[in-house]
């Protein structure tokens, strides 16, 4: 991976973003923010899954009122998502939001931007601004296309110009604790826009591919887009946008960071694809092992393991996976072999073998 881009650092309560801090994983609640108890329940579930920062939609004054309780009791920093109404931004700042997300260009003019910037500055909270492909002004896109740009290039240029303009509006009032996002549903446009913006500024960047879709499609698009930028050393916080349970967003985000070498898996779980040599229920077995590890980590346990291997046959067992701390592999006669540090421990019926592996995993947890 390339050396990480040096961005300025901001703080969301006790979580640092940018300036060399670890890349954080974000998600967004899909509960009604006005229902504080339900929203807090989901935030706690997401935090237990590994979410570092959470965002909540704030559509009206009733949601602003709930944010006071939500921000006070949330185990992770809360970003208030604001659109159009600057009074909502002022309200959530007073309610204790740890950051706000807004578009300075759509809240009613310079005087209202000034009020929000001053209130955020006095409270010491950052503002996330950004540009989405769908919100680039039609006049800007028309101007760029008149200049001869194709649709793709005009979106990239439009994202960069729009994001710079949003930042300028805040900096005109002396506000500099800014985080920026540039997003499109097209992966290549997102990546190109973020690369260009990163080269021109030192703002910390929030990465994501917007409207990525259901998990089957969205995980692929997000992994390619976010992963490409992270491998370039670009990005300070991420969100995987999925049409799914927000927990899936968090788990995918964590896995992207692990794959990019930005977060230690501890343990990494590897499993082989199925083939004609497979004589065991490999898919179900791999899922059961993942569930054990996820449950232990969600409960706060630390696993002193680097790698667990779940393999279909002895060809891929202690041989190809000899570097695994623990492993299980299919053996002849509908049995499984358990191996530890490359050495076979024993061969057992499938269910007994699984229980032996589970006990070994638990012995490495504390």
Protein backbone atom coordinates (compact mmCIF):
# COMPACT_ATOMS: atom_id res chain seq x y z
CA UNK A 1 0.00 0.00 0.00
CA UNK A 2 1.15 3.53 -0.74
CA UNK A 3 2.15 5.79 2.13
CA UNK A 4 -0.98 7.33 3.61
CA UNK A 5 -1.87 10.83 2.50
CA UNK A 6 -1.23 13.38 5.24
CA UNK A 7 -4.52 15.13 5.97
CA UNK A 8 -5.41 17.58 8.71
CA UNK A 9 -6.97 15.99 11.78
CA UNK A 10 -10.43 16.58 13.21
CA UNK A 11 -12.04 15.12 16.32
CA UNK A 12 -15.52 13.67 16.72
CA UNK A 13 -15.78 13.54 20.49
CA UNK A 14 -12.99 11.07 21.37
CA UNK A 15 -12.46 9.68 17.85
CA UNK A 16 -9.76 11.23 15.65
CA UNK A 17 -10.20 11.35 11.88
CA UNK A 18 -7.28 12.18 9.61
CA UNK A 19 -3.74 13.20 10.49
CA UNK A 20 -2.52 9.61 10.55
CA UNK A 21 -5.28 8.30 12.86
CA UNK A 22 -6.59 4.79 12.07
CA UNK A 23 -9.22 4.70 9.33
CA UNK A 24 -12.66 4.51 10.95
CA UNK A 25 -15.84 2.70 9.90
CA UNK A 26 -19.14 4.55 9.78
CA UNK A 27 -22.75 3.60 9.22
CA UNK A 28 -26.14 5.30 9.45
CA UNK A 29 -29.15 4.37 11.54
CA UNK A 30 -32.33 3.47 9.65
CA UNK A 31 -34.61 3.90 12.66
CA UNK A 32 -36.83 6.94 13.15
CA UNK A 33 -34.51 9.35 14.98
CA UNK A 34 -37.53 10.70 16.82
CA UNK A 35 -37.71 7.30 18.54
CA UNK A 36 -34.66 7.71 20.76
CA UNK A 37 -34.84 4.29 22.45
CA UNK A 38 -35.03 2.38 19.16
CA UNK A 39 -32.25 4.49 17.66
CA UNK A 40 -29.98 3.93 20.66
CA UNK A 41 -30.69 0.20 20.53
CA UNK A 42 -29.50 0.09 16.93
CA UNK A 43 -26.47 2.27 17.67
CA UNK A 44 -25.43 -0.14 20.42
CA UNK A 45 -25.82 -3.10 18.04
CA UNK A 46 -23.70 -1.34 15.43
CA UNK A 47 -21.05 -0.39 17.98
CA UNK A 48 -20.87 -4.02 19.10
CA UNK A 49 -20.31 -4.99 15.45
CA UNK A 50 -17.32 -2.65 15.18
CA UNK A 51 -18.86 0.64 14.05
CA UNK A 52 -16.72 3.63 15.09
CA UNK A 53 -18.97 6.57 14.14
CA UNK A 54 -22.72 6.73 13.51
CA UNK A 55 -24.87 9.16 11.54
CA UNK A 56 -28.54 9.89 12.22
CA UNK A 57 -31.02 11.64 9.93
CA UNK A 58 -32.51 14.80 11.46
CA UNK A 59 -35.53 15.77 9.35
CA UNK A 60 -37.42 17.97 11.82
CA UNK A 61 -37.54 19.58 15.26
CA UNK A 62 -38.86 16.40 16.89
CA UNK A 63 -35.71 14.60 15.74
CA UNK A 64 -33.61 17.46 17.12
CA UNK A 65 -35.22 16.94 20.53
CA UNK A 66 -34.40 13.21 20.47
CA UNK A 67 -30.81 13.90 19.50
CA UNK A 68 -30.05 15.27 22.97
CA UNK A 69 -30.70 11.85 24.54
CA UNK A 70 -29.13 9.95 21.65
CA UNK A 71 -25.88 11.93 21.69
CA UNK A 72 -25.61 11.76 25.47
CA UNK A 73 -26.07 7.97 25.65
CA UNK A 74 -24.45 6.76 22.42
CA UNK A 75 -21.26 4.71 22.93
CA UNK A 76 -19.80 6.16 19.71
CA UNK A 77 -19.75 9.68 18.20
CA UNK A 78 -22.99 10.80 16.53
CA UNK A 79 -23.15 12.83 13.32
CA UNK A 80 -26.39 14.71 12.67
CA UNK A 81 -27.44 14.55 9.02
CA UNK A 82 -29.02 17.88 8.01
CA UNK A 83 -30.56 19.01 4.76
CA UNK A 84 -31.91 22.45 3.78
CA UNK A 85 -32.90 23.87 7.19
CA UNK A 86 -30.08 25.69 9.00
CA UNK A 87 -32.21 25.88 12.15
CA UNK A 88 -32.01 22.10 12.48
CA UNK A 89 -28.22 22.38 12.31
CA UNK A 90 -28.20 24.97 15.08
CA UNK A 91 -30.57 22.80 17.11
CA UNK A 92 -28.47 19.62 16.95
CA UNK A 93 -25.33 21.55 17.80
CA UNK A 94 -27.08 22.70 20.98
CA UNK A 95 -28.30 19.12 21.56
CA UNK A 96 -24.76 17.79 21.73
CA UNK A 97 -24.13 16.34 18.26
CA UNK A 98 -20.49 15.36 17.85
CA UNK A 99 -20.47 16.51 14.21
CA UNK A 100 -22.91 17.61 11.55
CA UNK A 101 -23.25 16.69 7.92
CA UNK A 102 -24.67 19.33 5.63
CA UNK A 103 -24.38 21.03 2.28
CA UNK A 104 -23.56 24.70 2.94
CA UNK A 105 -24.91 25.58 -0.49
CA UNK A 106 -28.48 24.52 0.22
CA UNK A 107 -29.26 25.98 3.66
CA UNK A 108 -30.27 29.46 2.59
CA UNK A 109 -27.34 31.74 1.85
CA UNK A 110 -24.14 33.12 3.41
CA UNK A 111 -25.70 34.53 6.59
CA UNK A 112 -27.14 31.14 7.54
CA UNK A 113 -23.88 29.40 6.69
CA UNK A 114 -22.13 31.90 8.98
CA UNK A 115 -24.46 31.11 11.88
CA UNK A 116 -23.90 27.37 11.52
CA UNK A 117 -20.12 27.75 11.11
CA UNK A 118 -19.87 29.97 14.19
CA UNK A 119 -22.05 27.67 16.32
CA UNK A 120 -20.05 24.60 15.28
CA UNK A 121 -16.79 26.42 15.93
CA UNK A 122 -17.89 27.52 19.40
CA UNK A 123 -18.93 23.94 20.23
CA UNK A 124 -15.73 22.50 18.81
CA UNK A 125 -17.42 20.06 16.44
CA UNK A 126 -16.51 19.37 12.81
CA UNK A 127 -18.70 19.64 9.74
CA UNK A 128 -18.76 17.08 6.97
CA UNK A 129 -19.50 18.54 3.57
CA UNK A 130 -19.53 16.86 0.24
CA UNK A 131 -20.72 16.42 -3.26
CA UNK A 132 -22.84 13.64 -4.72
CA UNK A 133 -23.13 13.07 -8.44
CA UNK A 134 -26.88 13.53 -8.22
CA UNK A 135 -26.61 16.93 -6.53
CA UNK A 136 -24.15 18.62 -8.91
CA UNK A 137 -25.87 21.73 -10.20
CA UNK A 138 -27.36 21.39 -13.66
CA UNK A 139 -25.81 24.67 -14.72
CA UNK A 140 -22.31 23.45 -13.81
CA UNK A 141 -22.81 20.16 -15.66
CA UNK A 142 -24.14 22.04 -18.68
CA UNK A 143 -21.15 24.39 -18.62
CA UNK A 144 -18.71 21.48 -18.44
CA UNK A 145 -20.39 19.64 -21.30
CA UNK A 146 -20.41 22.81 -23.37
CA UNK A 147 -16.65 22.86 -22.83
CA UNK A 148 -16.48 19.47 -24.53
CA UNK A 149 -16.37 17.10 -21.57
CA UNK A 150 -18.10 13.75 -21.81
CA UNK A 151 -20.59 12.67 -19.14
CA UNK A 152 -18.04 10.78 -17.05
CA UNK A 153 -15.44 13.56 -17.02
CA UNK A 154 -18.05 16.22 -16.31
CA UNK A 155 -19.23 14.29 -13.23
CA UNK A 156 -15.67 13.97 -11.95
CA UNK A 157 -14.94 17.67 -12.53
CA UNK A 158 -18.32 18.63 -11.11
CA UNK A 159 -17.71 16.64 -7.91
CA UNK A 160 -14.33 18.25 -7.35
CA UNK A 161 -15.52 21.79 -8.04
CA UNK A 162 -18.65 21.35 -5.92
CA UNK A 163 -16.72 19.97 -2.95
CA UNK A 164 -14.16 22.80 -3.12
CA UNK A 165 -16.98 25.34 -3.23
CA UNK A 166 -18.65 23.82 -0.14
CA UNK A 167 -15.35 24.03 1.76
CA UNK A 168 -14.77 27.63 0.64
CA UNK A 169 -18.18 28.70 1.97
CA UNK A 170 -17.21 27.50 5.46
CA UNK A 171 -13.63 28.71 5.36
CA UNK A 172 -14.88 32.20 4.40
CA UNK A 173 -16.21 32.35 7.97
CA UNK A 174 -13.00 30.99 9.51
CA UNK A 175 -14.26 27.42 9.94
CA UNK A 176 -11.66 24.76 9.09
CA UNK A 177 -12.65 21.58 10.95
CA UNK A 178 -14.00 20.11 7.75
CA UNK A 179 -14.31 16.55 6.48
CA UNK A 180 -15.18 15.99 2.82
CA UNK A 181 -16.94 13.28 0.80
CA UNK A 182 -17.13 12.99 -2.98
CA UNK A 183 -19.45 10.21 -4.08
CA UNK A 184 -21.06 8.80 -7.19
CA UNK A 185 -22.79 5.49 -7.86
CA UNK A 186 -20.23 4.98 -10.63
CA UNK A 187 -17.09 3.52 -9.07
CA UNK A 188 -14.57 4.99 -11.52
CA UNK A 189 -16.00 8.51 -11.17
CA UNK A 190 -15.85 8.28 -7.38
CA UNK A 191 -12.24 7.09 -7.42
CA UNK A 192 -11.06 9.70 -9.94
CA UNK A 193 -12.79 12.55 -8.12
CA UNK A 194 -11.34 11.54 -4.74
CA UNK A 195 -7.84 11.18 -6.19
CA UNK A 196 -7.99 14.65 -7.71
CA UNK A 197 -9.44 16.26 -4.60
CA UNK A 198 -6.89 14.53 -2.37
CA UNK A 199 -4.05 15.85 -4.51
CA UNK A 200 -5.29 19.44 -4.21
CA UNK A 201 -6.21 19.68 -0.50
CA UNK A 202 -5.39 18.37 2.96
CA UNK A 203 -8.98 17.89 4.13
CA UNK A 204 -9.67 14.48 5.68
CA UNK A 205 -11.72 12.36 3.29
CA UNK A 206 -14.78 10.22 3.94
CA UNK A 207 -14.95 7.43 1.34
CA UNK A 208 -17.92 5.61 -0.10
CA UNK A 209 -19.74 4.66 -3.27
CA UNK A 210 -23.23 6.10 -3.01
CA UNK A 211 -26.35 4.11 -3.87
CA UNK A 212 -24.20 1.00 -4.26
CA UNK A 213 -27.22 -1.32 -4.05
CA UNK A 214 -28.01 -4.64 -2.39
CA UNK A 215 -25.20 -6.63 -0.77
CA UNK A 216 -24.66 -8.83 -3.84
CA UNK A 217 -23.79 -5.79 -5.94
CA UNK A 218 -23.00 -3.10 -3.39
CA UNK A 219 -20.27 -5.02 -1.57
CA UNK A 220 -18.41 -5.49 -4.85
CA UNK A 221 -18.74 -1.85 -5.93
CA UNK A 222 -17.79 -0.53 -2.50
CA UNK A 223 -14.84 -2.89 -2.11
CA UNK A 224 -13.43 -1.91 -5.50
CA UNK A 225 -13.94 1.83 -5.05
CA UNK A 226 -13.03 2.21 -1.39
CA UNK A 227 -10.27 -0.37 -1.63
CA UNK A 228 -8.63 1.30 -4.63
CA UNK A 229 -8.43 4.61 -2.77
CA UNK A 230 -7.22 3.08 0.48
CA UNK A 231 -4.47 1.24 -1.38
CA UNK A 232 -3.47 4.64 -2.80
CA UNK A 233 -3.12 5.89 0.77
CA UNK A 234 -6.27 8.04 0.42
CA UNK A 235 -9.11 8.01 2.95
CA UNK A 236 -9.61 8.65 6.65
CA UNK A 237 -13.06 7.20 7.31
CA UNK A 238 -15.39 4.99 5.26
CA UNK A 239 -18.99 3.94 4.87
CA UNK A 240 -20.17 1.00 2.79
CA UNK A 241 -23.63 2.07 1.58
CA UNK A 242 -25.85 -1.00 1.23
CA UNK A 243 -29.56 -1.63 0.83
CA UNK A 244 -29.38 -3.91 3.85
CA UNK A 245 -29.14 -4.08 7.62
CA UNK A 246 -26.56 -1.45 8.66
CA UNK A 247 -24.64 -4.18 10.50
CA UNK A 248 -23.74 -5.59 7.08
CA UNK A 249 -22.27 -2.20 6.15
CA UNK A 250 -20.07 -2.24 9.23
CA UNK A 251 -18.83 -5.80 8.76
CA UNK A 252 -18.02 -5.16 5.10
CA UNK A 253 -16.19 -1.95 6.00
CA UNK A 254 -14.08 -3.76 8.57
CA UNK A 255 -13.24 -6.49 6.06
CA UNK A 256 -12.18 -3.91 3.47
CA UNK A 257 -9.80 -2.36 6.00
CA UNK A 258 -8.43 -5.80 6.87
CA UNK A 259 -7.91 -6.68 3.20
CA UNK A 260 -6.06 -3.39 2.66
CA UNK A 261 -3.78 -4.03 5.61
CA UNK A 262 -5.22 -1.12 7.60
CA UNK A 263 -6.75 -3.19 10.37
CA UNK A 264 -5.51 -6.45 11.83
CA UNK A 265 -8.04 -9.27 11.40
CA UNK A 266 -6.94 -11.25 14.48
CA UNK A 267 -7.83 -13.79 13.35
CA UNK A 268 -8.00 -13.90 9.58
CA UNK A 269 -10.36 -16.68 8.48
CA UNK A 270 -9.48 -18.35 5.19
CA UNK A 271 -11.48 -21.02 3.42
CA UNK A 272 -11.08 -22.71 0.06
CA UNK A 273 -13.65 -22.85 -2.72
CA UNK A 274 -15.56 -26.08 -3.09
CA UNK A 275 -14.53 -28.66 -5.66
CA UNK A 276 -15.09 -32.31 -6.55
CA UNK A 277 -12.73 -33.45 -3.79
CA UNK A 278 -14.89 -31.89 -1.08
CA UNK A 279 -16.65 -34.54 1.02
CA UNK A 280 -17.92 -32.33 3.85
CA UNK A 281 -20.46 -29.52 4.22
CA UNK A 282 -17.74 -26.92 3.70
CA UNK A 283 -19.91 -23.83 3.16
CA UNK A 284 -21.94 -24.42 6.33
CA UNK A 285 -18.77 -25.25 8.27
CA UNK A 286 -17.02 -22.04 7.21
CA UNK A 287 -20.08 -20.00 8.18
CA UNK A 288 -20.20 -21.66 11.61
CA UNK A 289 -16.54 -20.85 12.25
CA UNK A 290 -17.09 -17.22 11.20
CA UNK A 291 -20.07 -16.99 13.54
CA UNK A 292 -18.02 -18.22 16.51
CA UNK A 293 -15.30 -15.66 15.86
CA UNK A 294 -17.74 -12.80 15.25
CA UNK A 295 -19.67 -13.61 18.42
CA UNK A 296 -16.53 -13.71 20.55
CA UNK A 297 -15.21 -10.43 19.13
CA UNK A 298 -18.60 -8.73 19.51
CA UNK A 299 -18.58 -9.72 23.19
CA UNK A 300 -15.26 -7.94 23.63
CA UNK A 301 -13.06 -11.03 23.64
CA UNK A 302 -9.53 -10.87 22.23
CA UNK A 303 -8.43 -13.86 20.16
CA UNK A 304 -4.71 -14.56 20.22
CA UNK A 305 -4.84 -16.14 16.78
CA UNK A 306 -3.52 -14.87 13.47
CA UNK A 307 -5.25 -17.26 11.08
CA UNK A 308 -7.93 -19.97 11.11
CA UNK A 309 -8.27 -22.17 8.01
CA UNK A 310 -11.40 -24.03 6.91
CA UNK A 311 -10.44 -26.32 4.03
CA UNK A 312 -12.35 -28.81 1.93
CA UNK A 313 -9.84 -31.63 1.76
CA UNK A 314 -6.43 -32.76 2.99
CA UNK A 315 -4.81 -31.44 -0.22
CA UNK A 316 -5.62 -27.91 0.93
CA UNK A 317 -5.55 -28.70 4.63
CA UNK A 318 -2.30 -28.82 6.58
CA UNK A 319 -0.48 -28.45 3.26
CA UNK A 320 -1.56 -25.18 1.67
CA UNK A 321 -2.80 -23.83 5.02
CA UNK A 322 0.25 -24.84 7.05
CA UNK A 323 0.73 -21.24 8.17
CA UNK A 324 -2.64 -21.24 9.96
CA UNK A 325 -2.63 -21.32 13.76
CA UNK A 326 -5.71 -23.54 13.71
CA UNK A 327 -7.53 -25.36 10.95
CA UNK A 328 -10.10 -27.92 9.97
CA UNK A 329 -10.08 -29.89 6.73
CA UNK A 330 -12.20 -32.55 5.11
CA UNK A 331 -10.83 -36.08 5.37
CA UNK A 332 -11.87 -39.39 3.84
CA UNK A 333 -14.95 -41.17 5.12
CA UNK A 334 -16.99 -38.02 5.80
CA UNK A 335 -14.62 -36.97 8.58
CA UNK A 336 -12.56 -33.88 9.34
CA UNK A 337 -8.96 -33.38 10.35
CA UNK A 338 -8.04 -30.77 12.96
CA UNK A 339 -4.61 -29.22 12.60
CA UNK A 340 -2.65 -26.77 14.71
CA UNK A 341 0.41 -24.87 13.52
CA UNK A 342 0.64 -27.19 10.49
CA UNK A 343 0.46 -30.44 12.50
CA UNK A 344 -2.56 -32.74 12.45
CA UNK A 345 -4.12 -33.10 15.90
CA UNK A 346 -6.57 -35.84 14.97
CA UNK A 347 -9.31 -37.01 12.63
CA UNK A 348 -12.91 -36.96 13.86
CA UNK A 349 -16.52 -37.25 12.70
CA UNK A 350 -17.67 -33.85 11.37
CA UNK A 351 -19.67 -32.63 14.36
CA UNK A 352 -17.13 -33.83 16.90
CA UNK A 353 -14.38 -32.23 14.85
CA UNK A 354 -16.23 -28.93 14.78
CA UNK A 355 -16.64 -29.00 18.57
CA UNK A 356 -12.91 -29.75 18.96
CA UNK A 357 -12.08 -26.75 16.74
CA UNK A 358 -14.50 -24.56 18.69
CA UNK A 359 -12.83 -25.57 21.95
CA UNK A 360 -9.42 -24.75 20.49
CA UNK A 361 -10.65 -21.30 19.40
CA UNK A 362 -12.06 -20.62 22.84
CA UNK A 363 -8.77 -21.60 24.44
CA UNK A 364 -7.11 -18.72 22.60
CA UNK A 365 -9.66 -16.12 23.77
CA UNK A 366 -9.56 -13.86 26.79
